[in-house]
C-alpha atoms as a PDB file:
ATOM      1  CA  UNK A   1     -66.622 -18.079  17.289  1.00  0.00           C
ATOM      2  CA  UNK A   2     -69.732 -16.955  15.545  1.00  0.00           C
ATOM      3  CA  UNK A   3     -71.954 -18.458  12.681  1.00  0.00           C
ATOM      4  CA  UNK A   4     -70.232 -16.017  10.185  1.00  0.00           C
ATOM      5  CA  UNK A   5     -66.623 -17.002  10.975  1.00  0.00           C
ATOM      6  CA  UNK A   6     -67.548 -20.751  10.754  1.00  0.00           C
ATOM      7  CA  UNK A   7     -69.045 -19.869   7.303  1.00  0.00           C
ATOM      8  CA  UNK A   8     -66.079 -17.881   6.155  1.00  0.00           C
ATOM      9  CA  UNK A   9     -63.824 -20.952   7.437  1.00  0.00           C
ATOM     10  CA  UNK A  10     -65.828 -23.347   5.001  1.00  0.00           C
ATOM     11  CA  UNK A  11     -65.700 -20.814   2.258  1.00  0.00           C
ATOM     12  CA  UNK A  12     -61.928 -20.275   2.303  1.00  0.00           C
ATOM     13  CA  UNK A  13     -61.645 -24.126   3.020  1.00  0.00           C
ATOM     14  CA  UNK A  14     -63.793 -24.935   0.049  1.00  0.00           C
ATOM     15  CA  UNK A  15     -61.738 -22.874  -2.288  1.00  0.00           C
ATOM     16  CA  UNK A  16     -58.464 -23.894  -0.915  1.00  0.00           C
ATOM     17  CA  UNK A  17     -59.307 -27.443  -1.132  1.00  0.00           C
ATOM     18  CA  UNK A  18     -60.722 -27.187  -4.482  1.00  0.00           C
ATOM     19  CA  UNK A  19     -57.349 -25.216  -5.551  1.00  0.00           C
ATOM     20  CA  UNK A  20     -55.128 -27.787  -3.929  1.00  0.00           C
ATOM     21  CA  UNK A  21     -57.164 -30.845  -5.674  1.00  0.00           C
ATOM     22  CA  UNK A  22     -56.225 -29.045  -8.954  1.00  0.00           C
ATOM     23  CA  UNK A  23     -52.493 -28.536  -7.929  1.00  0.00           C
ATOM     24  CA  UNK A  24     -52.243 -32.159  -6.667  1.00  0.00           C
ATOM     25  CA  UNK A  25     -54.159 -34.152  -9.563  1.00  0.00           C
ATOM     26  CA  UNK A  26     -55.212 -37.429  -8.450  1.00  0.00           C
ATOM     27  CA  UNK A  27     -54.891 -36.850  -4.737  1.00  0.00           C
ATOM     28  CA  UNK A  28     -58.234 -35.181  -4.190  1.00  0.00           C
ATOM     29  CA  UNK A  29     -61.269 -36.552  -2.179  1.00  0.00           C
ATOM     30  CA  UNK A  30     -64.261 -35.182  -3.805  1.00  0.00           C
ATOM     31  CA  UNK A  31     -66.165 -31.995  -2.971  1.00  0.00           C
ATOM     32  CA  UNK A  32     -66.808 -32.679   0.777  1.00  0.00           C
ATOM     33  CA  UNK A  33     -63.297 -34.254   1.306  1.00  0.00           C
ATOM     34  CA  UNK A  34     -61.604 -31.321  -0.279  1.00  0.00           C
ATOM     35  CA  UNK A  35     -63.467 -28.931   1.835  1.00  0.00           C
ATOM     36  CA  UNK A  36     -62.343 -30.802   4.907  1.00  0.00           C
ATOM     37  CA  UNK A  37     -58.790 -31.069   3.810  1.00  0.00           C
ATOM     38  CA  UNK A  38     -58.787 -27.189   2.892  1.00  0.00           C
ATOM     39  CA  UNK A  39     -60.180 -26.501   6.319  1.00  0.00           C
ATOM     40  CA  UNK A  40     -57.676 -28.603   7.912  1.00  0.00           C
ATOM     41  CA  UNK A  41     -54.869 -27.076   5.668  1.00  0.00           C
ATOM     42  CA  UNK A  42     -55.982 -23.658   6.700  1.00  0.00           C
ATOM     43  CA  UNK A  43     -55.551 -24.675  10.460  1.00  0.00           C
ATOM     44  CA  UNK A  44     -52.172 -26.215   9.646  1.00  0.00           C
ATOM     45  CA  UNK A  45     -50.948 -23.248   7.809  1.00  0.00           C
ATOM     46  CA  UNK A  46     -52.365 -21.024  10.427  1.00  0.00           C
ATOM     47  CA  UNK A  47     -50.247 -22.668  12.972  1.00  0.00           C
ATOM     48  CA  UNK A  48     -47.106 -23.842  11.159  1.00  0.00           C
ATOM     49  CA  UNK A  49     -46.301 -20.502   9.200  1.00  0.00           C
ATOM     50  CA  UNK A  50     -46.363 -17.980  12.077  1.00  0.00           C
ATOM     51  CA  UNK A  51     -43.787 -20.462  13.812  1.00  0.00           C
ATOM     52  CA  UNK A  52     -41.565 -20.355  10.948  1.00  0.00           C
ATOM     53  CA  UNK A  53     -41.788 -16.521  10.462  1.00  0.00           C
ATOM     54  CA  UNK A  54     -44.140 -16.338   7.757  1.00  0.00           C
ATOM     55  CA  UNK A  55     -46.962 -13.635   8.392  1.00  0.00           C
ATOM     56  CA  UNK A  56     -50.394 -14.546   7.358  1.00  0.00           C
ATOM     57  CA  UNK A  57     -51.811 -11.371   6.197  1.00  0.00           C
ATOM     58  CA  UNK A  58     -55.411 -10.111   6.865  1.00  0.00           C
ATOM     59  CA  UNK A  59     -57.171 -10.555   3.664  1.00  0.00           C
ATOM     60  CA  UNK A  60     -59.319 -12.763   1.821  1.00  0.00           C
ATOM     61  CA  UNK A  61     -56.777 -13.560  -0.908  1.00  0.00           C
ATOM     62  CA  UNK A  62     -53.784 -14.033   1.524  1.00  0.00           C
ATOM     63  CA  UNK A  63     -55.991 -16.327   3.502  1.00  0.00           C
ATOM     64  CA  UNK A  64     -56.880 -18.521   0.538  1.00  0.00           C
ATOM     65  CA  UNK A  65     -53.391 -18.372  -0.600  1.00  0.00           C
ATOM     66  CA  UNK A  66     -51.889 -19.798   2.854  1.00  0.00           C
ATOM     67  CA  UNK A  67     -54.902 -22.297   3.326  1.00  0.00           C
ATOM     68  CA  UNK A  68     -54.091 -23.807   0.046  1.00  0.00           C
ATOM     69  CA  UNK A  69     -50.294 -23.951   0.756  1.00  0.00           C
ATOM     70  CA  UNK A  70     -51.472 -25.895   4.155  1.00  0.00           C
ATOM     71  CA  UNK A  71     -53.820 -28.102   2.026  1.00  0.00           C
ATOM     72  CA  UNK A  72     -51.214 -29.053  -0.556  1.00  0.00           C
ATOM     73  CA  UNK A  73     -48.808 -30.022   2.149  1.00  0.00           C
ATOM     74  CA  UNK A  74     -51.562 -32.098   3.826  1.00  0.00           C
ATOM     75  CA  UNK A  75     -52.310 -33.847   0.734  1.00  0.00           C
ATOM     76  CA  UNK A  76     -48.669 -34.478   0.095  1.00  0.00           C
ATOM     77  CA  UNK A  77     -48.521 -36.082   3.385  1.00  0.00           C
ATOM     78  CA  UNK A  78     -51.720 -38.187   3.022  1.00  0.00           C
ATOM     79  CA  UNK A  79     -50.180 -39.378  -0.222  1.00  0.00           C
ATOM     80  CA  UNK A  80     -46.826 -40.454   1.582  1.00  0.00           C
ATOM     81  CA  UNK A  81     -48.952 -42.416   4.178  1.00  0.00           C
ATOM     82  CA  UNK A  82     -51.186 -43.976   1.757  1.00  0.00           C
ATOM     83  CA  UNK A  83     -48.065 -45.512  -0.280  1.00  0.00           C
ATOM     84  CA  UNK A  84     -46.666 -46.739   3.057  1.00  0.00           C
END
C-alpha cells in the first residue's frame, strides 16, 4: 500500500466521519475521532457490503457513500455499547 492510497483512505475517512457525525448528531468524537470512525467504517463497509451482495462502485462518491454508511453503523453500535 503506497502513500497515495493511505492518503486517499484518510481523505475518504475524514469526509465519511464528518458526514456520519452530522447524520448521527451528538454521537461524534471530534475531528480526529471522526476520521478514525470514518476509516474503520470504510473498512467495515468494504467487508460487509460485498458479503451481502452490494457492489461498491469504483468512484470517489460511491466510496464516500459506502464509507459513510459504514461509519453510521459503527457510531450506532458504539452508542449501543455506551448505553450498556
